[in-house]
Amino acid sequence: MKYGVYNAILHDRSLPEALQVISDLGLTGLELNTGGFLPPTHVPNIDEILTSDAARDDFLGHFEGTNVSLAGLNCNGNPLHPNPRTGPVHAEDVRRSVRLAGRLGQSRVVTMSGLPAGEPGGTRPNWAVNAWSSATLDQLDHQWGVAADFWAEIDALAGEHGVKVALELHPQNLVFNPASFRELIERAGTTNIGVELDASHLFWQQMDPVAVVQDLGRWVFHAAAKDVRINPHAAVQGVLDNSFRRLSADEPRTQIGDHEWVNEWPQRSAWDFVALGKGHDVDFWARFLQALQEVDPEMMVNIEHEDTELGRIEGLEVAAKVLHQAAASLT
């Protein structure tokens, strides 16, 4: 298997500097952000690469002699967002990323299924996670119809370019667990749409990532190495905690769509994203890697660093150490 880093945490430095960081960690892959919620910092000339062989070759030249190669593209966003200044932009990022993957010799594009409004003419995404009422199933039928049309289109485009699209099982998306993934591919009739197995979003839902890999099997196309720590406050608040604070315009904040920003994480959080080993030990990660290897010996597994208790490089170092230890135990 191939182990690397998702490059969003290294957007504070140039691509050559990011590649050096990854090489110094003893890792060999870089998962490249190509749009969506975040700008494509390390590949700002996507349109040029799509049309110019020279531009493509110049970009790939950054990797020569580094011992690091591309390990998939990532354009996480909401391509089904009902805001016309967000959804269509993210949708086009997915299309461009699929075409870019073909140009760069990549077979994997990571993104999210997206989340539309709950009814025709709605203006805000609506996430239904407990459909006990008939009205909620009516909402989901509408949303699945929107999603099926879009992902059938992307499936055809991916097939044309020899690419597999891996959907991250992520909250605030129609597809966030195996059942919802199967619902999508059944309704859309896709063959090139699978899953990015990010263990972190399974942990906080109280799911077993190893069991999920075994359940999905061949539909696991890609993987992320990110941990979660369940905190004592979960006993009181549960894991579906909405104690977020809206950040004001004069505070540092991350924009994720037209007039949308990331909120401040709860002060007494039920759970936190942490570096590998801070939530689950090396033995767990060895079993996780073993399960992935049994699905695909060429699986790409990339560290995603979102541990706010650790610096950018510090967090990558902690995660890489655990990943190396886990990988060393594979049979």
C-alpha atoms as a PDB file:
ATOM      1  CA  MET A   1       0.000   0.000   0.000  1.00  0.00           C
ATOM      2  CA  LYS A   2       1.001   3.646  -0.348  1.00  0.00           C
ATOM      3  CA  TYR A   3       1.099   6.041   2.620  1.00  0.00           C
ATOM      4  CA  GLY A   4       1.007   9.805   2.295  1.00  0.00           C
ATOM      5  CA  VAL A   5      -0.512  13.110   3.414  1.00  0.00           C
ATOM      6  CA  TYR A   6      -3.547  15.093   2.343  1.00  0.00           C
ATOM      7  CA  ASN A   7      -1.938  18.438   1.545  1.00  0.00           C
ATOM      8  CA  ALA A   8      -4.497  20.876   3.030  1.00  0.00           C
ATOM      9  CA  ILE A   9      -2.492  21.130   6.275  1.00  0.00           C
ATOM     10  CA  LEU A  10       0.549  22.161   4.189  1.00  0.00           C
ATOM     11  CA  HIS A  11      -1.152  24.978   2.270  1.00  0.00           C
ATOM     12  CA  ASP A  12       0.947  27.424   4.312  1.00  0.00           C
ATOM     13  CA  ARG A  13       4.012  26.552   2.211  1.00  0.00           C
ATOM     14  CA  SER A  14       4.934  25.968  -1.415  1.00  0.00           C
ATOM     15  CA  LEU A  15       4.471  22.638  -3.175  1.00  0.00           C
ATOM     16  CA  PRO A  16       8.224  21.838  -3.166  1.00  0.00           C
ATOM     17  CA  GLU A  17       8.359  22.615   0.567  1.00  0.00           C
ATOM     18  CA  ALA A  18       5.303  20.414   1.198  1.00  0.00           C
ATOM     19  CA  LEU A  19       6.894  17.555  -0.718  1.00  0.00           C
ATOM     20  CA  GLN A  20      10.032  17.883   1.399  1.00  0.00           C
ATOM     21  CA  VAL A  21       7.959  17.647   4.598  1.00  0.00           C
ATOM     22  CA  ILE A  22       6.288  14.467   3.357  1.00  0.00           C
ATOM     23  CA  SER A  23       9.595  12.928   2.287  1.00  0.00           C
ATOM     24  CA  ASP A  24      11.169  13.766   5.663  1.00  0.00           C
ATOM     25  CA  LEU A  25       8.308  11.863   7.334  1.00  0.00           C
ATOM     26  CA  GLY A  26       9.241   8.753   5.364  1.00  0.00           C
ATOM     27  CA  LEU A  27       5.967   8.886   3.432  1.00  0.00           C
ATOM     28  CA  THR A  28       5.629   8.604  -0.326  1.00  0.00           C
ATOM     29  CA  GLY A  29       2.311  10.141  -1.376  1.00  0.00           C
ATOM     30  CA  LEU A  30       0.615  13.529  -1.620  1.00  0.00           C
ATOM     31  CA  GLU A  31      -3.169  13.763  -1.948  1.00  0.00           C
ATOM     32  CA  LEU A  32      -3.703  17.028  -3.805  1.00  0.00           C
ATOM     33  CA  ASN A  33      -6.528  19.435  -2.997  1.00  0.00           C
ATOM     34  CA  THR A  34      -8.159  20.580  -6.240  1.00  0.00           C
ATOM     35  CA  GLY A  35     -11.069  22.758  -5.090  1.00  0.00           C
ATOM     36  CA  GLY A  36     -14.381  22.525  -3.277  1.00  0.00           C
ATOM     37  CA  PHE A  37     -14.350  23.943   0.234  1.00  0.00           C
ATOM     38  CA  LEU A  38     -10.677  24.914  -0.081  1.00  0.00           C
ATOM     39  CA  PRO A  39      -8.800  26.620  -2.933  1.00  0.00           C
ATOM     40  CA  PRO A  40      -6.375  24.477  -4.952  1.00  0.00           C
ATOM     41  CA  THR A  41      -3.338  26.165  -3.418  1.00  0.00           C
ATOM     42  CA  HIS A  42      -0.713  23.777  -4.803  1.00  0.00           C
ATOM     43  CA  VAL A  43      -2.210  23.567  -8.305  1.00  0.00           C
ATOM     44  CA  PRO A  44      -3.561  27.040  -9.130  1.00  0.00           C
ATOM     45  CA  ASN A  45      -3.338  26.504 -12.912  1.00  0.00           C
ATOM     46  CA  ILE A  46      -5.757  23.592 -13.304  1.00  0.00           C
ATOM     47  CA  ASP A  47      -7.338  24.960 -16.466  1.00  0.00           C
ATOM     48  CA  GLU A  48      -3.933  25.377 -18.073  1.00  0.00           C
ATOM     49  CA  ILE A  49      -2.902  21.818 -17.153  1.00  0.00           C
ATOM     50  CA  LEU A  50      -6.136  20.530 -18.681  1.00  0.00           C
ATOM     51  CA  THR A  51      -5.224  21.979 -22.067  1.00  0.00           C
ATOM     52  CA  SER A  52      -1.428  22.199 -22.170  1.00  0.00           C
ATOM     53  CA  ASP A  53       0.937  19.231 -22.126  1.00  0.00           C
ATOM     54  CA  ALA A  54       3.785  21.572 -21.220  1.00  0.00           C
ATOM     55  CA  ALA A  55       1.903  22.892 -18.181  1.00  0.00           C
ATOM     56  CA  ARG A  56       1.066  19.351 -17.122  1.00  0.00           C
ATOM     57  CA  ASP A  57       4.662  18.206 -17.473  1.00  0.00           C
ATOM     58  CA  ASP A  58       5.949  21.258 -15.599  1.00  0.00           C
ATOM     59  CA  PHE A  59       3.603  20.490 -12.710  1.00  0.00           C
ATOM     60  CA  LEU A  60       4.579  16.823 -12.566  1.00  0.00           C
ATOM     61  CA  GLY A  61       8.204  17.918 -12.654  1.00  0.00           C
ATOM     62  CA  HIS A  62       7.844  19.160  -9.058  1.00  0.00           C
ATOM     63  CA  PHE A  63       7.675  15.518  -7.945  1.00  0.00           C
ATOM     64  CA  GLU A  64      10.775  14.296  -9.752  1.00  0.00           C
ATOM     65  CA  GLY A  65      13.562  13.217  -7.407  1.00  0.00           C
ATOM     66  CA  THR A  66      11.473  13.762  -4.262  1.00  0.00           C
ATOM     67  CA  ASN A  67      10.515  10.138  -3.528  1.00  0.00           C
ATOM     68  CA  VAL A  68       6.941  11.462  -3.282  1.00  0.00           C
ATOM     69  CA  SER A  69       4.300  10.977  -5.947  1.00  0.00           C
ATOM     70  CA  LEU A  70       0.685  11.987  -6.359  1.00  0.00           C
ATOM     71  CA  ALA A  71      -1.693   9.823  -4.329  1.00  0.00           C
ATOM     72  CA  GLY A  72      -5.090  10.982  -5.525  1.00  0.00           C
ATOM     73  CA  LEU A  73      -6.945  14.279  -5.859  1.00  0.00           C
ATOM     74  CA  ASN A  74      -9.369  15.784  -3.337  1.00  0.00           C
ATOM     75  CA  CYS A  75     -12.153  18.309  -3.941  1.00  0.00           C
ATOM     76  CA  ASN A  76     -14.370  17.916  -0.873  1.00  0.00           C
ATOM     77  CA  GLY A  77     -17.345  20.268  -1.051  1.00  0.00           C
ATOM     78  CA  ASN A  78     -21.101  20.293  -1.525  1.00  0.00           C
ATOM     79  CA  PRO A  79     -21.828  19.885  -5.241  1.00  0.00           C
ATOM     80  CA  LEU A  80     -25.588  19.634  -4.495  1.00  0.00           C
ATOM     81  CA  HIS A  81     -25.823  22.847  -2.461  1.00  0.00           C
ATOM     82  CA  PRO A  82     -28.986  24.770  -3.449  1.00  0.00           C
ATOM     83  CA  ASN A  83     -27.211  28.143  -3.324  1.00  0.00           C
ATOM     84  CA  PRO A  84     -26.439  28.877  -7.010  1.00  0.00           C
ATOM     85  CA  ARG A  85     -23.157  30.509  -5.972  1.00  0.00           C
ATOM     86  CA  THR A  86     -21.967  27.386  -4.121  1.00  0.00           C
ATOM     87  CA  GLY A  87     -23.434  24.158  -5.514  1.00  0.00           C
ATOM     88  CA  PRO A  88     -22.630  24.704  -9.201  1.00  0.00           C
ATOM     89  CA  VAL A  89     -19.117  25.909  -8.313  1.00  0.00           C
ATOM     90  CA  HIS A  90     -18.373  22.800  -6.253  1.00  0.00           C
ATOM     91  CA  ALA A  91     -20.007  20.587  -8.886  1.00  0.00           C
ATOM     92  CA  GLU A  92     -17.738  22.024 -11.559  1.00  0.00           C
ATOM     93  CA  ASP A  93     -14.751  21.462  -9.253  1.00  0.00           C
ATOM     94  CA  VAL A  94     -15.675  17.768  -9.178  1.00  0.00           C
ATOM     95  CA  ARG A  95     -15.861  17.640 -12.980  1.00  0.00           C
ATOM     96  CA  ARG A  96     -12.557  19.488 -13.373  1.00  0.00           C
ATOM     97  CA  SER A  97     -10.914  17.219 -10.803  1.00  0.00           C
ATOM     98  CA  VAL A  98     -12.014  14.106 -12.691  1.00  0.00           C
ATOM     99  CA  ARG A  99     -10.623  15.511 -15.923  1.00  0.00           C
ATOM    100  CA  LEU A 100      -7.459  16.642 -14.128  1.00  0.00           C
ATOM    101  CA  ALA A 101      -6.958  13.175 -12.647  1.00  0.00           C
ATOM    102  CA  GLY A 102      -7.013  11.739 -16.156  1.00  0.00           C
ATOM    103  CA  ARG A 103      -4.438  14.292 -17.275  1.00  0.00           C
ATOM    104  CA  LEU A 104      -2.143  13.600 -14.310  1.00  0.00           C
ATOM    105  CA  GLY A 105      -2.342   9.812 -14.484  1.00  0.00           C
ATOM    106  CA  GLN A 106      -4.387   9.563 -11.295  1.00  0.00           C
ATOM    107  CA  SER A 107      -7.120   6.977 -10.738  1.00  0.00           C
ATOM    108  CA  ARG A 108      -8.764   8.398  -7.606  1.00  0.00           C
ATOM    109  CA  VAL A 109     -10.724  11.572  -6.886  1.00  0.00           C
ATOM    110  CA  VAL A 110     -11.984  12.067  -3.327  1.00  0.00           C
ATOM    111  CA  THR A 111     -15.043  14.217  -2.708  1.00  0.00           C
ATOM    112  CA  MET A 112     -18.371  14.214  -0.843  1.00  0.00           C
ATOM    113  CA  SER A 113     -21.821  13.153  -2.021  1.00  0.00           C
ATOM    114  CA  GLY A 114     -23.252  16.591  -1.266  1.00  0.00           C
ATOM    115  CA  LEU A 115     -26.510  17.657   0.345  1.00  0.00           C
ATOM    116  CA  PRO A 116     -29.380  19.459  -1.443  1.00  0.00           C
ATOM    117  CA  ALA A 117     -32.311  21.338   0.013  1.00  0.00           C
ATOM    118  CA  GLY A 118     -35.073  19.255   1.544  1.00  0.00           C
ATOM    119  CA  GLU A 119     -37.691  20.281  -1.034  1.00  0.00           C
ATOM    120  CA  PRO A 120     -37.931  21.880  -4.474  1.00  0.00           C
ATOM    121  CA  GLY A 121     -37.126  25.577  -4.252  1.00  0.00           C
ATOM    122  CA  GLY A 122     -35.396  25.235  -0.890  1.00  0.00           C
ATOM    123  CA  THR A 123     -32.424  27.502  -0.262  1.00  0.00           C
ATOM    124  CA  ARG A 124     -30.455  25.639   2.440  1.00  0.00           C
ATOM    125  CA  PRO A 125     -29.139  22.073   2.680  1.00  0.00           C
ATOM    126  CA  ASN A 126     -31.171  19.849   4.993  1.00  0.00           C
ATOM    127  CA  TRP A 127     -29.595  16.778   6.608  1.00  0.00           C
ATOM    128  CA  ALA A 128     -32.092  14.120   7.740  1.00  0.00           C
ATOM    129  CA  VAL A 129     -30.492  11.496   9.984  1.00  0.00           C
ATOM    130  CA  ASN A 130     -33.531   9.982  11.730  1.00  0.00           C
ATOM    131  CA  ALA A 131     -36.337   9.480   9.221  1.00  0.00           C
ATOM    132  CA  TRP A 132     -39.064   8.284  11.579  1.00  0.00           C
ATOM    133  CA  SER A 133     -41.791  10.375   9.900  1.00  0.00           C
ATOM    134  CA  SER A 134     -43.279   9.978   6.435  1.00  0.00           C
ATOM    135  CA  ALA A 135     -42.532  13.650   5.711  1.00  0.00           C
ATOM    136  CA  THR A 136     -38.828  13.009   6.276  1.00  0.00           C
ATOM    137  CA  LEU A 137     -38.874  10.117   3.812  1.00  0.00           C
ATOM    138  CA  ASP A 138     -40.580  12.450   1.316  1.00  0.00           C
ATOM    139  CA  GLN A 139     -37.677  14.868   1.835  1.00  0.00           C
ATOM    140  CA  LEU A 140     -35.140  12.112   1.280  1.00  0.00           C
ATOM    141  CA  ASP A 141     -36.883  10.920  -1.888  1.00  0.00           C
ATOM    142  CA  HIS A 142     -36.510  14.423  -3.302  1.00  0.00           C
ATOM    143  CA  GLN A 143     -32.861  14.646  -2.245  1.00  0.00           C
ATOM    144  CA  TRP A 144     -31.986  11.204  -3.619  1.00  0.00           C
ATOM    145  CA  GLY A 145     -33.500  12.219  -6.948  1.00  0.00           C
ATOM    146  CA  VAL A 146     -31.261  15.294  -7.110  1.00  0.00           C
ATOM    147  CA  ALA A 147     -28.205  13.270  -6.065  1.00  0.00           C
ATOM    148  CA  ALA A 148     -28.870  10.385  -8.453  1.00  0.00           C
ATOM    149  CA  ASP A 149     -29.009  12.669 -11.481  1.00  0.00           C
ATOM    150  CA  PHE A 150     -25.748  14.400 -10.593  1.00  0.00           C
ATOM    151  CA  TRP A 151     -23.791  11.281  -9.674  1.00  0.00           C
ATOM    152  CA  ALA A 152     -24.956   9.386 -12.749  1.00  0.00           C
ATOM    153  CA  GLU A 153     -23.426  12.222 -14.786  1.00  0.00           C
ATOM    154  CA  ILE A 154     -20.172  12.123 -12.793  1.00  0.00           C
ATOM    155  CA  ASP A 155     -20.029   8.336 -13.042  1.00  0.00           C
ATOM    156  CA  ALA A 156     -20.104   8.556 -16.827  1.00  0.00           C
ATOM    157  CA  LEU A 157     -17.424  11.264 -16.832  1.00  0.00           C
ATOM    158  CA  ALA A 158     -15.231   9.216 -14.484  1.00  0.00           C
ATOM    159  CA  GLY A 159     -15.561   6.166 -16.715  1.00  0.00           C
ATOM    160  CA  GLU A 160     -14.564   8.245 -19.731  1.00  0.00           C
ATOM    161  CA  HIS A 161     -11.340   9.330 -17.992  1.00  0.00           C
ATOM    162  CA  GLY A 162     -10.471   6.033 -16.285  1.00  0.00           C
ATOM    163  CA  VAL A 163     -11.087   7.468 -12.812  1.00  0.00           C
ATOM    164  CA  LYS A 164     -12.803   6.163  -9.672  1.00  0.00           C
ATOM    165  CA  VAL A 165     -14.564   8.703  -7.440  1.00  0.00           C
ATOM    166  CA  ALA A 166     -14.379   8.033  -3.692  1.00  0.00           C
ATOM    167  CA  LEU A 167     -17.051   9.647  -1.506  1.00  0.00           C
ATOM    168  CA  GLU A 168     -16.043  10.468   2.055  1.00  0.00           C
ATOM    169  CA  LEU A 169     -18.602   9.188   4.571  1.00  0.00           C
ATOM    170  CA  HIS A 170     -19.084  12.570   6.192  1.00  0.00           C
ATOM    171  CA  PRO A 171     -21.798  14.365   8.200  1.00  0.00           C
ATOM    172  CA  GLN A 172     -23.955  16.992   6.464  1.00  0.00           C
ATOM    173  CA  ASN A 173     -24.029  14.747   3.366  1.00  0.00           C
ATOM    174  CA  LEU A 174     -26.585  12.342   1.978  1.00  0.00           C
ATOM    175  CA  VAL A 175     -23.935   9.625   1.989  1.00  0.00           C
ATOM    176  CA  PHE A 176     -22.482   9.227   5.475  1.00  0.00           C
ATOM    177  CA  ASN A 177     -22.614   5.469   6.163  1.00  0.00           C
ATOM    178  CA  PRO A 178     -22.727   2.195   4.180  1.00  0.00           C
ATOM    179  CA  ALA A 179     -26.531   2.123   3.897  1.00  0.00           C
ATOM    180  CA  SER A 180     -26.705   5.613   2.407  1.00  0.00           C
ATOM    181  CA  PHE A 181     -23.826   4.809   0.037  1.00  0.00           C
ATOM    182  CA  ARG A 182     -25.670   1.768  -1.269  1.00  0.00           C
ATOM    183  CA  GLU A 183     -28.827   3.843  -1.639  1.00  0.00           C
ATOM    184  CA  LEU A 184     -26.976   6.277  -3.891  1.00  0.00           C
ATOM    185  CA  ILE A 185     -25.344   3.774  -6.211  1.00  0.00           C
ATOM    186  CA  GLU A 186     -28.576   1.787  -6.525  1.00  0.00           C
ATOM    187  CA  ARG A 187     -30.612   4.861  -7.445  1.00  0.00           C
ATOM    188  CA  ALA A 188     -27.931   6.330  -9.735  1.00  0.00           C
ATOM    189  CA  GLY A 189     -26.852   3.037 -11.322  1.00  0.00           C
ATOM    190  CA  THR A 190     -23.170   3.893 -10.979  1.00  0.00           C
ATOM    191  CA  THR A 191     -20.080   1.680 -11.313  1.00  0.00           C
ATOM    192  CA  ASN A 192     -17.229   4.176 -10.811  1.00  0.00           C
ATOM    193  CA  ILE A 193     -18.438   5.691  -7.519  1.00  0.00           C
ATOM    194  CA  GLY A 194     -17.087   4.211  -4.269  1.00  0.00           C
ATOM    195  CA  VAL A 195     -16.028   5.254  -0.783  1.00  0.00           C
ATOM    196  CA  GLU A 196     -13.108   7.019   0.833  1.00  0.00           C
ATOM    197  CA  LEU A 197     -12.772   5.236   4.151  1.00  0.00           C
ATOM    198  CA  ASP A 198     -11.969   7.996   6.685  1.00  0.00           C
ATOM    199  CA  ALA A 199     -12.057   6.220  10.037  1.00  0.00           C
ATOM    200  CA  SER A 200     -12.540   9.441  11.999  1.00  0.00           C
ATOM    201  CA  HIS A 201     -16.107  10.081  10.819  1.00  0.00           C
ATOM    202  CA  LEU A 202     -17.006   6.506  11.653  1.00  0.00           C
ATOM    203  CA  PHE A 203     -15.575   6.641  15.182  1.00  0.00           C
ATOM    204  CA  TRP A 204     -17.777   9.528  16.312  1.00  0.00           C
ATOM    205  CA  GLN A 205     -20.846   7.733  14.909  1.00  0.00           C
ATOM    206  CA  GLN A 206     -19.855   4.768  17.132  1.00  0.00           C
ATOM    207  CA  MET A 207     -19.077   2.608  14.097  1.00  0.00           C
ATOM    208  CA  ASP A 208     -16.174   0.162  13.740  1.00  0.00           C
ATOM    209  CA  PRO A 209     -14.051   1.214  10.723  1.00  0.00           C
ATOM    210  CA  VAL A 210     -12.650  -2.301  10.300  1.00  0.00           C
ATOM    211  CA  ALA A 211     -16.170  -3.741  10.157  1.00  0.00           C
ATOM    212  CA  VAL A 212     -17.161  -1.036   7.656  1.00  0.00           C
ATOM    213  CA  VAL A 213     -14.212  -1.912   5.385  1.00  0.00           C
ATOM    214  CA  GLN A 214     -15.211  -5.558   5.522  1.00  0.00           C
ATOM    215  CA  ASP A 215     -18.855  -4.679   4.839  1.00  0.00           C
ATOM    216  CA  LEU A 216     -18.154  -2.437   1.833  1.00  0.00           C
ATOM    217  CA  GLY A 217     -15.323  -4.543   0.445  1.00  0.00           C
ATOM    218  CA  ARG A 218     -14.581  -3.671  -3.188  1.00  0.00           C
ATOM    219  CA  TRP A 219     -16.401  -0.351  -2.875  1.00  0.00           C
ATOM    220  CA  VAL A 220     -13.597   1.029  -0.694  1.00  0.00           C
ATOM    221  CA  PHE A 221     -11.485   2.940  -3.215  1.00  0.00           C
ATOM    222  CA  HIS A 222      -9.290   5.142  -0.987  1.00  0.00           C
ATOM    223  CA  ALA A 223      -8.581   5.766   2.708  1.00  0.00           C
ATOM    224  CA  ALA A 224      -7.705   8.523   5.175  1.00  0.00           C
ATOM    225  CA  ALA A 225      -5.725   8.115   8.393  1.00  0.00           C
ATOM    226  CA  LYS A 226      -7.351  10.378  10.999  1.00  0.00           C
ATOM    227  CA  ASP A 227      -8.294   9.553  14.578  1.00  0.00           C
ATOM    228  CA  VAL A 228     -11.059  10.641  16.972  1.00  0.00           C
ATOM    229  CA  ARG A 229     -11.040  10.820  20.750  1.00  0.00           C
ATOM    230  CA  ILE A 230     -14.412  10.403  22.464  1.00  0.00           C
ATOM    231  CA  ASN A 231     -14.456  12.753  25.464  1.00  0.00           C
ATOM    232  CA  PRO A 232     -16.215  12.305  28.846  1.00  0.00           C
ATOM    233  CA  HIS A 233     -18.774  14.978  27.923  1.00  0.00           C
ATOM    234  CA  ALA A 234     -20.229  12.564  25.356  1.00  0.00           C
ATOM    235  CA  ALA A 235     -21.854  10.739  28.284  1.00  0.00           C
ATOM    236  CA  VAL A 236     -23.980  13.836  28.884  1.00  0.00           C
ATOM    237  CA  GLN A 237     -24.262  15.517  25.490  1.00  0.00           C
ATOM    238  CA  GLY A 238     -24.059  12.566  23.102  1.00  0.00           C
ATOM    239  CA  VAL A 239     -22.128  12.684  19.853  1.00  0.00           C
ATOM    240  CA  LEU A 240     -24.719  14.787  17.945  1.00  0.00           C
ATOM    241  CA  ASP A 241     -23.644  17.999  19.640  1.00  0.00           C
ATOM    242  CA  ASN A 242     -24.653  21.371  18.172  1.00  0.00           C
ATOM    243  CA  SER A 243     -22.856  23.564  20.725  1.00  0.00           C
ATOM    244  CA  PHE A 244     -20.955  25.438  18.019  1.00  0.00           C
ATOM    245  CA  ARG A 245     -20.293  29.178  18.155  1.00  0.00           C
ATOM    246  CA  ARG A 246     -20.721  31.467  15.164  1.00  0.00           C
ATOM    247  CA  LEU A 247     -17.467  33.337  14.463  1.00  0.00           C
ATOM    248  CA  SER A 248     -17.746  37.042  13.747  1.00  0.00           C
ATOM    249  CA  ALA A 249     -16.395  38.707  10.623  1.00  0.00           C
ATOM    250  CA  ASP A 250     -13.424  40.173  12.538  1.00  0.00           C
ATOM    251  CA  GLU A 251     -12.255  36.733  13.778  1.00  0.00           C
ATOM    252  CA  PRO A 252     -10.095  34.331  11.749  1.00  0.00           C
ATOM    253  CA  ARG A 253     -12.443  31.908  10.004  1.00  0.00           C
ATOM    254  CA  THR A 254     -12.505  29.564   7.034  1.00  0.00           C
ATOM    255  CA  GLN A 255     -14.951  30.190   4.202  1.00  0.00           C
ATOM    256  CA  ILE A 256     -16.595  27.053   2.779  1.00  0.00           C
ATOM    257  CA  GLY A 257     -19.169  28.538   0.395  1.00  0.00           C
ATOM    258  CA  ASP A 258     -20.903  31.762  -0.536  1.00  0.00           C
ATOM    259  CA  HIS A 259     -21.477  33.517   2.816  1.00  0.00           C
ATOM    260  CA  GLU A 260     -20.765  30.317   4.775  1.00  0.00           C
ATOM    261  CA  TRP A 261     -17.934  29.795   7.235  1.00  0.00           C
ATOM    262  CA  VAL A 262     -16.770  27.085   9.621  1.00  0.00           C
ATOM    263  CA  ASN A 263     -18.044  27.632  13.170  1.00  0.00           C
ATOM    264  CA  GLU A 264     -15.971  27.403  16.340  1.00  0.00           C
ATOM    265  CA  TRP A 265     -15.772  23.871  17.730  1.00  0.00           C
ATOM    266  CA  PRO A 266     -17.662  23.293  21.047  1.00  0.00           C
ATOM    267  CA  GLN A 267     -15.610  24.238  24.098  1.00  0.00           C
ATOM    268  CA  ARG A 268     -16.705  21.096  25.972  1.00  0.00           C
ATOM    269  CA  SER A 269     -16.725  18.818  22.984  1.00  0.00           C
ATOM    270  CA  ALA A 270     -18.168  15.324  23.018  1.00  0.00           C
ATOM    271  CA  TRP A 271     -15.393  14.262  20.670  1.00  0.00           C
ATOM    272  CA  ASP A 272     -12.368  15.721  18.895  1.00  0.00           C
ATOM    273  CA  PHE A 273     -10.325  14.970  15.800  1.00  0.00           C
ATOM    274  CA  VAL A 274      -6.867  13.901  16.970  1.00  0.00           C
ATOM    275  CA  ALA A 275      -3.666  12.543  15.479  1.00  0.00           C
ATOM    276  CA  LEU A 276      -3.325   8.792  15.066  1.00  0.00           C
ATOM    277  CA  GLY A 277      -2.693   7.062  18.382  1.00  0.00           C
ATOM    278  CA  LYS A 278      -4.431   9.666  20.554  1.00  0.00           C
ATOM    279  CA  GLY A 279      -7.811   8.006  20.148  1.00  0.00           C
ATOM    280  CA  HIS A 280      -6.976   4.461  19.094  1.00  0.00           C
ATOM    281  CA  ASP A 281      -3.722   2.557  19.543  1.00  0.00           C
ATOM    282  CA  VAL A 282      -1.285   1.089  17.033  1.00  0.00           C
ATOM    283  CA  ASP A 283      -2.993  -2.294  17.241  1.00  0.00           C
ATOM    284  CA  PHE A 284      -6.239  -0.818  15.949  1.00  0.00           C
ATOM    285  CA  TRP A 285      -4.513   0.965  13.061  1.00  0.00           C
ATOM    286  CA  ALA A 286      -2.696  -2.255  12.151  1.00  0.00           C
ATOM    287  CA  ARG A 287      -6.045  -4.051  11.932  1.00  0.00           C
ATOM    288  CA  PHE A 288      -7.465  -1.166   9.885  1.00  0.00           C
ATOM    289  CA  LEU A 289      -4.577  -1.298   7.410  1.00  0.00           C
ATOM    290  CA  GLN A 290      -4.815  -5.079   7.215  1.00  0.00           C
ATOM    291  CA  ALA A 291      -8.508  -4.836   6.304  1.00  0.00           C
ATOM    292  CA  LEU A 292      -7.743  -2.250   3.613  1.00  0.00           C
ATOM    293  CA  GLN A 293      -4.918  -4.349   2.220  1.00  0.00           C
ATOM    294  CA  GLU A 294      -7.242  -7.322   1.871  1.00  0.00           C
ATOM    295  CA  VAL A 295      -9.575  -5.155  -0.229  1.00  0.00           C
ATOM    296  CA  ASP A 296      -6.812  -3.630  -2.377  1.00  0.00           C
ATOM    297  CA  PRO A 297      -3.068  -4.247  -1.921  1.00  0.00           C
ATOM    298  CA  GLU A 298      -2.466  -0.955  -3.790  1.00  0.00           C
ATOM    299  CA  MET A 299      -4.736   1.114  -1.512  1.00  0.00           C
ATOM    300  CA  MET A 300      -3.636   4.709  -0.903  1.00  0.00           C
ATOM    301  CA  VAL A 301      -3.873   5.759   2.770  1.00  0.00           C
ATOM    302  CA  ASN A 302      -3.233   9.432   3.477  1.00  0.00           C
ATOM    303  CA  ILE A 303      -2.887  11.239   6.793  1.00  0.00           C
ATOM    304  CA  GLU A 304      -5.362  14.059   7.316  1.00  0.00           C
ATOM    305  CA  HIS A 305      -4.205  16.316  10.161  1.00  0.00           C
ATOM    306  CA  GLU A 306      -6.930  18.221  12.046  1.00  0.00           C
ATOM    307  CA  ASP A 307      -5.640  17.886  15.618  1.00  0.00           C
ATOM    308  CA  THR A 308      -5.834  21.426  17.050  1.00  0.00           C
ATOM    309  CA  GLU A 309      -3.704  20.415  20.038  1.00  0.00           C
ATOM    310  CA  LEU A 310      -0.696  19.884  17.780  1.00  0.00           C
ATOM    311  CA  GLY A 311       1.121  22.082  15.283  1.00  0.00           C
ATOM    312  CA  ARG A 312       1.079  21.359  11.567  1.00  0.00           C
ATOM    313  CA  ILE A 313       4.353  19.438  11.410  1.00  0.00           C
ATOM    314  CA  GLU A 314       4.106  18.086  14.958  1.00  0.00           C
ATOM    315  CA  GLY A 315       0.745  16.485  14.215  1.00  0.00           C
ATOM    316  CA  LEU A 316       2.019  14.930  11.013  1.00  0.00           C
ATOM    317  CA  GLU A 317       5.033  13.525  12.851  1.00  0.00           C
ATOM    318  CA  VAL A 318       2.842  11.928  15.533  1.00  0.00           C
ATOM    319  CA  ALA A 319       0.502  10.423  12.942  1.00  0.00           C
ATOM    320  CA  ALA A 320       3.321   9.222  10.666  1.00  0.00           C
ATOM    321  CA  LYS A 321       5.022   7.403  13.541  1.00  0.00           C
ATOM    322  CA  VAL A 322       1.859   5.455  14.365  1.00  0.00           C
ATOM    323  CA  LEU A 323       1.173   4.778  10.688  1.00  0.00           C
ATOM    324  CA  HIS A 324       4.693   3.414  10.158  1.00  0.00           C
ATOM    325  CA  GLN A 325       4.402   1.196  13.256  1.00  0.00           C
ATOM    326  CA  ALA A 326       1.032  -0.147  12.108  1.00  0.00           C
ATOM    327  CA  ALA A 327       2.246  -0.751   8.559  1.00  0.00           C
ATOM    328  CA  ALA A 328       5.304  -2.659   9.822  1.00  0.00           C
ATOM    329  CA  SER A 329       3.064  -5.291  11.368  1.00  0.00           C
ATOM    330  CA  LEU A 330       1.187  -6.162   8.173  1.00  0.00           C
ATOM    331  CA  THR A 331       1.469  -9.683   6.834  1.00  0.00           C
END
